[in-house]
Amino acid sequence: MDSSSSLLWHGPAWFAGRSLPGSAGPIPGLSADVDLIAAFEAATQPPSTLPCVVLVDVNTVNALNDPQMFWNWLTKNIAALKTDVPVLLLCAPGTILPQRPRADAVLDSAIPDYTLFDIICDVQRALMRSEEARLRRLSFGRIPGYGTAAHYKGASGVLVIGMGGRFLQVQQASQRKVEVIGAFSQQMGEDYLAQRAFDAVILDSPFDETLENLHKLRMDARFASLPAIAITEIEADVPTLYRAGATDVLKLPLSNADLQLRLAAAIRSGKRRRLADKTLAESHKWLAQQLTTGGVSQDYYARYLKQAGAALKLRGLEIWEMKLLPENFSKANASTLLAPNLYGTVLSIAAATSREEDLVCFVHDVGPIAVLKSERGKENLQARINAILGHTLL
């Protein structure tokens, strides 16, 4: 899954103690970021405009006279939002973390701004991918007897790679229905990852080994977005581990309560990723099959457009529908117009260029269509198809 260092939807950032990286204050025409602590102390409600992120430094909140009252207030306001938004908690070792609101990510306070921003973008996309998977299941149904790759199968699990000696602590901190498996080496870990699904990986090795393990995980497309928690004793290592691709970094010593909540956040994120991956892979296969059977029915397609449009509208976004017909693209010669496999070629280009959550399909009596979630995606796809068709003899 490709990553993106840009926000998929914009809006005011809700923050407490640490603002959204890169925020330069109010932008004309857009709502200003919301200082949650100031709003809480003034007994006012945040504006109804959907935020791009809820970012809270837990230590700042714990310094308040009544932290629990703040957490209750914030949980209530998040629940009142029109749709899901990223909720990120920042903390230091030994910080007392709240049970609510449920965080999409729990991160060390030492995380660099540029890495924090990338993680916010990744969580935004994870939410939209899960939403897209749900919409496709509702619109198109399932494929009877569809097979699933091994790394999608299995009950909820956590893989601990390395011999740092914290396997039992992880096992005790994990939820009862989560299976914890240990791997002595990276090679053993890769074997386990290929055989069954895991919701998160914990890297409990010396610093150099952890860096190498992170690099190998992130170079494998199957596990590029798998939550990976690195463990370290040295604070100076934290930014480096985040840059290498760690989802979270735990500094020693670890308290069971801290480990439990941070592990729970990683497992929730990993489970959502795995279910979305599985559904989108199934959908991709089903949509490809429709090319040989006349295409997706117009009723199915119309139902998807209606539901997807309503979901995007809640985030202030809109659908960009693009008909992938020959007349919409530049061509080097007339042979492309006569090529019997042109539709298949264009669909293949579109599928390879678009993101997984962009719908690429053949609609009955309409032709090939791409449904994109951003105008920039439409421009990129148009340019890519033009470049390939303009230099390829079909």
Protein backbone atom coordinates (compact mmCIF):
# COMPACT_ATOMS: atom_id res chain seq x y z
CA MET A 1 0.00 0.00 0.00
CA ASP A 2 1.46 3.32 -0.99
CA SER A 3 1.77 6.05 1.58
CA SER A 4 1.09 9.73 1.21
CA SER A 5 2.44 12.72 3.12
CA SER A 6 -0.59 14.89 2.44
CA LEU A 7 -3.89 15.20 4.24
CA LEU A 8 -6.81 13.53 2.49
CA TRP A 9 -9.30 15.91 4.03
CA HIS A 10 -8.70 19.27 5.66
CA GLY A 11 -10.31 20.90 8.62
CA PRO A 12 -9.36 22.46 11.93
CA ALA A 13 -6.98 20.40 14.05
CA TRP A 14 -8.18 19.77 17.59
CA PHE A 15 -5.10 19.85 19.81
CA ALA A 16 -4.08 19.85 23.44
CA GLY A 17 -0.49 20.71 24.24
CA ARG A 18 0.96 20.14 20.77
CA SER A 19 -0.47 21.61 17.60
CA LEU A 20 -0.64 20.07 14.15
CA PRO A 21 2.85 20.08 12.59
CA GLY A 22 3.16 22.80 9.97
CA SER A 23 0.12 24.73 11.18
CA ALA A 24 0.70 28.45 10.63
CA GLY A 25 -2.49 29.74 12.25
CA PRO A 26 -5.88 30.48 10.70
CA ILE A 27 -6.16 30.22 6.92
CA PRO A 28 -8.65 32.55 5.20
CA GLY A 29 -11.82 30.63 4.43
CA LEU A 30 -11.01 27.76 6.80
CA SER A 31 -11.86 27.26 10.45
CA ALA A 32 -9.05 27.92 12.91
CA ASP A 33 -7.47 25.10 14.88
CA VAL A 34 -9.11 24.37 18.22
CA ASP A 35 -7.16 24.51 21.49
CA LEU A 36 -9.05 21.81 23.38
CA ILE A 37 -7.82 22.80 26.83
CA ALA A 38 -8.85 26.43 26.28
CA ALA A 39 -12.29 25.30 25.05
CA PHE A 40 -12.68 22.92 28.01
CA GLU A 41 -11.72 25.53 30.60
CA ALA A 42 -14.06 28.06 28.98
CA ALA A 43 -16.87 25.46 29.01
CA THR A 44 -17.44 25.89 25.26
CA GLN A 45 -17.96 23.27 22.59
CA PRO A 46 -15.60 22.84 19.61
CA PRO A 47 -17.08 23.99 16.27
CA SER A 48 -19.08 21.45 14.28
CA THR A 49 -16.60 21.56 11.35
CA LEU A 50 -15.03 18.12 10.99
CA PRO A 51 -11.42 18.19 12.26
CA CYS A 52 -8.57 16.63 10.32
CA VAL A 53 -7.13 15.18 13.54
CA VAL A 54 -7.55 15.14 17.32
CA LEU A 55 -4.02 15.43 18.74
CA VAL A 56 -3.57 15.30 22.52
CA ASP A 57 -0.44 15.42 24.65
CA VAL A 58 -1.47 13.26 27.61
CA ASN A 59 1.06 14.81 30.01
CA THR A 60 -0.39 18.27 29.36
CA VAL A 61 -3.89 17.00 30.15
CA ASN A 62 -2.74 15.11 33.26
CA ALA A 63 -1.43 18.41 34.65
CA LEU A 64 -4.98 19.79 34.78
CA ASN A 65 -6.89 19.92 38.07
CA ASP A 66 -9.34 17.24 36.90
CA PRO A 67 -7.94 15.26 33.93
CA GLN A 68 -10.77 12.74 33.96
CA MET A 69 -13.35 15.47 33.49
CA PHE A 70 -11.43 16.65 30.42
CA TRP A 71 -11.27 13.11 28.99
CA ASN A 72 -15.02 12.68 29.52
CA TRP A 73 -15.68 16.03 27.81
CA LEU A 74 -13.41 15.17 24.87
CA THR A 75 -14.89 11.67 24.45
CA LYS A 76 -18.37 13.16 24.28
CA ASN A 77 -17.34 15.72 21.65
CA ILE A 78 -15.56 13.11 19.49
CA ALA A 79 -18.63 10.86 19.63
CA ALA A 80 -20.76 13.78 18.37
CA LEU A 81 -18.71 14.15 15.15
CA LYS A 82 -20.35 13.21 11.85
CA THR A 83 -17.79 10.53 11.02
CA ASP A 84 -14.51 9.00 12.21
CA VAL A 85 -11.40 11.17 12.52
CA PRO A 86 -7.85 10.27 13.64
CA VAL A 87 -7.38 10.39 17.41
CA LEU A 88 -3.70 10.44 18.41
CA LEU A 89 -2.29 10.49 21.93
CA LEU A 90 1.27 11.60 22.74
CA CYS A 91 2.90 10.42 25.97
CA ALA A 92 6.17 9.90 27.82
CA PRO A 93 7.31 6.74 29.63
CA GLY A 94 5.21 6.11 32.71
CA THR A 95 2.38 8.39 31.58
CA ILE A 96 -1.07 7.40 32.86
CA LEU A 97 -3.14 6.90 29.70
CA PRO A 98 -6.92 7.27 29.53
CA GLN A 99 -9.25 4.38 28.72
CA ARG A 100 -11.35 6.81 26.64
CA PRO A 101 -11.34 8.19 24.04
CA ARG A 102 -10.04 5.23 22.07
CA ALA A 103 -6.92 6.27 20.21
CA ASP A 104 -6.03 5.32 16.64
CA ALA A 105 -2.37 5.69 17.61
CA VAL A 106 -0.41 6.21 20.83
CA LEU A 107 2.98 7.78 20.20
CA ASP A 108 6.03 8.82 22.17
CA SER A 109 6.16 12.57 22.80
CA ALA A 110 9.67 12.64 21.31
CA ILE A 111 8.34 11.84 17.83
CA PRO A 112 9.61 14.42 15.28
CA ASP A 113 7.05 16.75 13.70
CA TYR A 114 7.56 15.46 10.14
CA THR A 115 7.03 11.86 11.26
CA LEU A 116 3.99 12.84 13.30
CA PHE A 117 2.47 14.53 10.26
CA ASP A 118 3.09 11.43 8.12
CA ILE A 119 1.37 9.24 10.71
CA ILE A 120 -1.64 11.58 10.79
CA CYS A 121 -1.89 11.24 7.00
CA ASP A 122 -1.56 7.46 7.25
CA VAL A 123 -4.31 7.21 9.87
CA GLN A 124 -6.60 9.40 7.76
CA ARG A 125 -6.10 7.05 4.86
CA ALA A 126 -6.60 3.95 7.01
CA LEU A 127 -9.99 5.32 8.08
CA MET A 128 -11.01 5.99 4.48
CA ARG A 129 -9.82 2.56 3.31
CA SER A 130 -11.91 0.89 6.00
CA GLU A 131 -14.85 3.02 4.96
CA GLU A 132 -14.32 2.09 1.30
CA ALA A 133 -14.15 -1.61 2.16
CA ARG A 134 -17.45 -1.37 4.05
CA LEU A 135 -19.13 0.47 1.17
CA ARG A 136 -18.01 -2.13 -1.39
CA ARG A 137 -19.25 -4.97 0.78
CA LEU A 138 -22.64 -3.23 1.08
CA SER A 139 -22.80 -2.34 -2.63
CA PHE A 140 -21.40 -5.44 -4.32
CA GLY A 141 -21.65 -8.20 -1.74
CA ARG A 142 -19.11 -11.00 -1.40
CA ILE A 143 -17.64 -13.59 -3.75
CA PRO A 144 -18.80 -17.09 -2.70
CA GLY A 145 -15.81 -19.34 -2.11
CA TYR A 146 -13.28 -16.53 -2.52
CA GLY A 147 -9.86 -17.60 -1.30
CA THR A 148 -7.73 -15.39 0.92
CA ALA A 149 -3.96 -14.99 1.06
CA ALA A 150 -2.31 -16.54 4.11
CA HIS A 151 -1.28 -13.20 5.60
CA TYR A 152 -4.97 -12.22 5.83
CA LYS A 153 -6.06 -15.40 7.63
CA GLY A 154 -6.10 -16.25 11.30
CA ALA A 155 -7.40 -14.93 14.58
CA SER A 156 -6.12 -11.72 16.12
CA GLY A 157 -2.43 -12.03 16.90
CA VAL A 158 0.76 -10.19 17.87
CA LEU A 159 4.21 -11.28 16.70
CA VAL A 160 7.21 -10.52 18.93
CA ILE A 161 10.47 -10.58 16.97
CA GLY A 162 13.73 -10.66 18.93
CA MET A 163 15.16 -11.92 22.20
CA GLY A 164 14.84 -8.83 24.36
CA GLY A 165 13.16 -10.82 27.09
CA ARG A 166 9.78 -9.07 27.14
CA PHE A 167 7.67 -11.80 25.54
CA LEU A 168 5.89 -12.70 28.80
CA GLN A 169 5.18 -9.05 29.57
CA VAL A 170 3.64 -8.59 26.14
CA GLN A 171 1.61 -11.76 26.61
CA GLN A 172 0.27 -10.54 29.96
CA ALA A 173 -0.55 -7.09 28.56
CA SER A 174 -2.38 -8.36 25.49
CA GLN A 175 -6.10 -9.02 25.35
CA ARG A 176 -7.35 -12.50 26.18
CA LYS A 177 -8.43 -13.30 22.63
CA VAL A 178 -5.14 -12.13 21.11
CA GLU A 179 -2.55 -14.82 20.41
CA VAL A 180 1.05 -13.78 21.10
CA ILE A 181 3.76 -15.62 19.13
CA GLY A 182 7.51 -15.23 19.54
CA ALA A 183 10.16 -15.33 16.80
CA PHE A 184 13.84 -15.45 17.71
CA SER A 185 15.02 -13.92 14.43
CA GLN A 186 13.84 -11.82 11.51
CA GLN A 187 13.84 -14.86 9.24
CA MET A 188 11.60 -16.75 11.65
CA GLY A 189 9.40 -13.67 11.88
CA GLU A 190 9.07 -13.51 8.08
CA ASP A 191 8.06 -17.17 8.03
CA TYR A 192 5.31 -16.55 10.58
CA LEU A 193 4.07 -13.43 8.76
CA ALA A 194 3.75 -15.38 5.52
CA GLN A 195 1.76 -18.16 7.17
CA ARG A 196 -0.98 -16.24 8.98
CA ALA A 197 -2.28 -12.77 9.80
CA PHE A 198 -0.97 -10.57 12.61
CA ASP A 199 -2.48 -7.31 13.79
CA ALA A 200 0.83 -5.91 15.11
CA VAL A 201 4.52 -6.71 15.38
CA ILE A 202 6.75 -5.87 18.36
CA LEU A 203 10.46 -5.56 17.66
CA ASP A 204 12.35 -6.42 20.84
CA SER A 205 15.96 -6.54 19.65
CA PRO A 206 19.17 -4.50 19.86
CA PHE A 207 18.94 -1.16 18.03
CA ASP A 208 20.76 -2.23 14.84
CA GLU A 209 18.65 -5.38 14.48
CA THR A 210 15.45 -3.43 15.05
CA LEU A 211 16.39 -0.97 12.29
CA GLU A 212 17.11 -3.83 9.89
CA ASN A 213 13.85 -5.57 10.80
CA LEU A 214 11.87 -2.36 10.23
CA HIS A 215 13.53 -1.86 6.86
CA LYS A 216 12.63 -5.37 5.71
CA LEU A 217 9.05 -5.03 6.91
CA ARG A 218 8.50 -1.74 5.13
CA MET A 219 10.09 -2.99 1.89
CA ASP A 220 7.55 -5.84 1.70
CA ALA A 221 4.27 -4.58 0.21
CA ARG A 222 2.29 -7.10 2.28
CA PHE A 223 3.47 -5.56 5.55
CA ALA A 224 4.25 -1.97 4.59
CA SER A 225 1.44 -0.66 6.81
CA LEU A 226 1.45 -3.36 9.50
CA PRO A 227 1.67 -1.68 12.94
CA ALA A 228 5.22 -2.18 14.19
CA ILE A 229 6.19 -1.25 17.77
CA ALA A 230 9.88 -0.85 18.49
CA ILE A 231 11.39 -1.06 21.99
CA THR A 232 14.44 0.93 23.05
CA GLU A 233 16.29 2.00 26.20
CA ILE A 234 17.80 5.16 24.70
CA GLU A 235 15.70 8.28 24.11
CA ALA A 236 17.99 9.49 21.31
CA ASP A 237 16.98 6.40 19.31
CA VAL A 238 13.29 7.33 19.25
CA PRO A 239 13.32 9.75 16.26
CA THR A 240 15.50 7.36 14.23
CA LEU A 241 13.13 4.44 14.83
CA TYR A 242 10.13 6.53 13.82
CA ARG A 243 11.92 7.61 10.64
CA ALA A 244 12.67 3.96 9.88
CA GLY A 245 8.96 3.16 9.91
CA ALA A 246 8.03 2.31 13.50
CA THR A 247 4.36 2.91 14.25
CA ASP A 248 5.16 3.44 17.92
CA VAL A 249 8.32 3.41 20.03
CA LEU A 250 8.29 2.21 23.64
CA LYS A 251 11.06 3.35 25.95
CA LEU A 252 12.13 1.17 28.84
CA PRO A 253 11.13 0.55 31.55
CA LEU A 254 7.63 -0.50 30.48
CA SER A 255 4.67 -0.43 32.83
CA ASN A 256 2.02 -3.08 32.20
CA ALA A 257 -0.75 -0.47 32.09
CA ASP A 258 1.09 1.64 29.50
CA LEU A 259 1.98 -1.39 27.39
CA GLN A 260 -1.60 -2.68 27.53
CA LEU A 261 -3.17 0.52 26.19
CA ARG A 262 -0.55 1.14 23.53
CA LEU A 263 -0.69 -2.46 22.37
CA ALA A 264 -4.50 -2.28 22.24
CA ALA A 265 -4.32 0.79 19.98
CA ALA A 266 -1.89 -0.97 17.63
CA ILE A 267 -4.06 -4.11 17.51
CA ARG A 268 -7.19 -2.10 16.69
CA SER A 269 -5.33 -0.33 13.89
CA GLY A 270 -3.89 -3.59 12.56
CA LYS A 271 -7.21 -5.41 12.66
CA ARG A 272 -8.89 -2.59 10.74
CA ARG A 273 -6.07 -2.63 8.18
CA ARG A 274 -6.27 -6.40 7.76
CA LEU A 275 -10.05 -6.47 7.30
CA ALA A 276 -9.89 -3.61 4.79
CA ASP A 277 -7.04 -5.28 2.87
CA LYS A 278 -8.98 -8.53 2.69
CA THR A 279 -12.20 -6.91 1.50
CA LEU A 280 -10.50 -4.67 -1.07
CA ALA A 281 -8.51 -7.62 -2.46
CA GLU A 282 -11.72 -9.62 -2.78
CA SER A 283 -13.46 -6.65 -4.41
CA HIS A 284 -10.59 -6.14 -6.86
CA LYS A 285 -10.86 -9.75 -8.03
CA TRP A 286 -14.65 -9.55 -8.38
CA LEU A 287 -14.49 -6.28 -10.34
CA ALA A 288 -11.85 -7.76 -12.69
CA GLN A 289 -14.13 -10.72 -13.38
CA GLN A 290 -16.93 -8.40 -14.47
CA LEU A 291 -14.93 -7.32 -17.53
CA THR A 292 -15.59 -10.74 -19.09
CA THR A 293 -19.28 -10.93 -18.11
CA GLY A 294 -20.57 -7.60 -19.41
CA GLY A 295 -19.54 -5.38 -16.52
CA VAL A 296 -20.96 -4.28 -13.18
CA SER A 297 -24.69 -3.63 -13.43
CA GLN A 298 -25.71 0.02 -13.53
CA ASP A 299 -27.89 -0.52 -10.45
CA TYR A 300 -24.93 -1.80 -8.43
CA TYR A 301 -22.77 1.06 -9.64
CA ALA A 302 -25.42 3.69 -8.90
CA ARG A 303 -25.85 2.29 -5.39
CA TYR A 304 -22.11 2.50 -4.79
CA LEU A 305 -21.91 6.09 -6.07
CA LYS A 306 -24.74 7.18 -3.79
CA GLN A 307 -23.25 5.61 -0.68
CA ALA A 308 -19.67 6.66 -1.41
CA GLY A 309 -20.75 10.21 -2.22
CA ALA A 310 -22.64 10.49 1.07
CA ALA A 311 -19.64 9.19 3.05
CA LEU A 312 -17.21 11.58 1.36
CA LYS A 313 -19.53 14.55 1.83
CA LEU A 314 -19.20 14.15 5.61
CA ARG A 315 -15.49 14.88 5.20
CA GLY A 316 -16.02 17.82 2.89
CA LEU A 317 -14.93 15.75 -0.13
CA GLU A 318 -16.58 14.78 -3.38
CA ILE A 319 -16.36 11.97 -5.89
CA TRP A 320 -14.41 12.49 -9.11
CA GLU A 321 -15.95 10.19 -11.69
CA MET A 322 -13.79 9.61 -14.75
CA LYS A 323 -14.97 7.68 -17.84
CA LEU A 324 -11.97 5.85 -19.27
CA LEU A 325 -13.12 6.03 -22.89
CA PRO A 326 -10.65 6.35 -25.81
CA GLU A 327 -11.96 9.75 -26.86
CA ASN A 328 -10.96 11.17 -23.48
CA PHE A 329 -7.26 10.52 -24.07
CA SER A 330 -4.60 11.54 -26.55
CA LYS A 331 -3.44 8.77 -28.90
CA ALA A 332 -0.36 8.41 -31.00
CA ASN A 333 -2.12 6.60 -33.82
CA ALA A 334 -5.47 5.25 -34.91
CA SER A 335 -4.54 1.64 -34.08
CA THR A 336 -5.39 2.28 -30.44
CA LEU A 337 -9.00 2.96 -31.41
CA LEU A 338 -9.28 -0.43 -33.08
CA ALA A 339 -7.47 -2.50 -30.45
CA PRO A 340 -9.82 -5.17 -29.09
CA ASN A 341 -8.12 -5.14 -25.69
CA LEU A 342 -8.12 -1.35 -25.27
CA TYR A 343 -10.63 -1.38 -22.41
CA GLY A 344 -8.64 -4.00 -20.58
CA THR A 345 -5.43 -2.03 -21.12
CA VAL A 346 -6.94 1.22 -19.86
CA LEU A 347 -8.44 -0.53 -16.85
CA SER A 348 -5.09 -2.13 -16.03
CA ILE A 349 -3.34 1.25 -16.23
CA ALA A 350 -6.01 2.85 -14.06
CA ALA A 351 -5.86 0.07 -11.47
CA ALA A 352 -2.07 0.32 -11.27
CA THR A 353 -2.08 4.13 -11.03
CA SER A 354 -4.99 4.59 -8.63
CA ARG A 355 -5.04 3.81 -4.96
CA GLU A 356 -6.75 0.69 -3.69
CA GLU A 357 -9.63 2.71 -2.29
CA ASP A 358 -10.30 4.29 -5.70
CA LEU A 359 -12.88 2.23 -7.57
CA VAL A 360 -11.83 1.08 -11.06
CA CYS A 361 -14.42 -1.02 -12.88
CA PHE A 362 -16.26 -1.77 -16.13
CA VAL A 363 -19.92 -0.73 -15.97
CA HIS A 364 -22.45 -2.50 -18.19
CA ASP A 365 -23.40 -0.44 -21.28
CA VAL A 366 -21.21 2.44 -20.05
CA GLY A 367 -17.60 1.25 -20.26
CA PRO A 368 -14.55 1.52 -18.02
CA ILE A 369 -14.82 4.04 -15.18
CA ALA A 370 -12.61 5.23 -12.34
CA VAL A 371 -14.16 6.71 -9.21
CA LEU A 372 -11.49 8.78 -7.48
CA LYS A 373 -11.47 10.44 -4.07
CA SER A 374 -9.53 13.56 -5.04
CA GLU A 375 -9.09 15.91 -7.98
CA ARG A 376 -5.34 15.38 -7.81
CA GLY A 377 -5.88 11.64 -8.29
CA LYS A 378 -7.93 12.38 -11.41
CA GLU A 379 -5.19 14.57 -12.85
CA ASN A 380 -2.50 11.97 -12.13
CA LEU A 381 -4.54 9.20 -13.71
CA GLN A 382 -5.32 11.23 -16.84
CA ALA A 383 -1.62 12.06 -17.32
CA ARG A 384 -0.54 8.46 -16.77
CA ILE A 385 -2.99 6.96 -19.24
CA ASN A 386 -2.15 9.60 -21.84
CA ALA A 387 1.56 8.88 -21.47
CA ILE A 388 1.19 5.11 -21.83
CA LEU A 389 -1.35 5.11 -24.65
CA GLY A 390 0.58 7.79 -26.49
CA HIS A 391 3.75 5.68 -26.56
CA THR A 392 2.36 2.16 -26.88
CA LEU A 393 1.31 0.30 -30.02
CA LEU A 394 -1.55 -1.95 -28.99
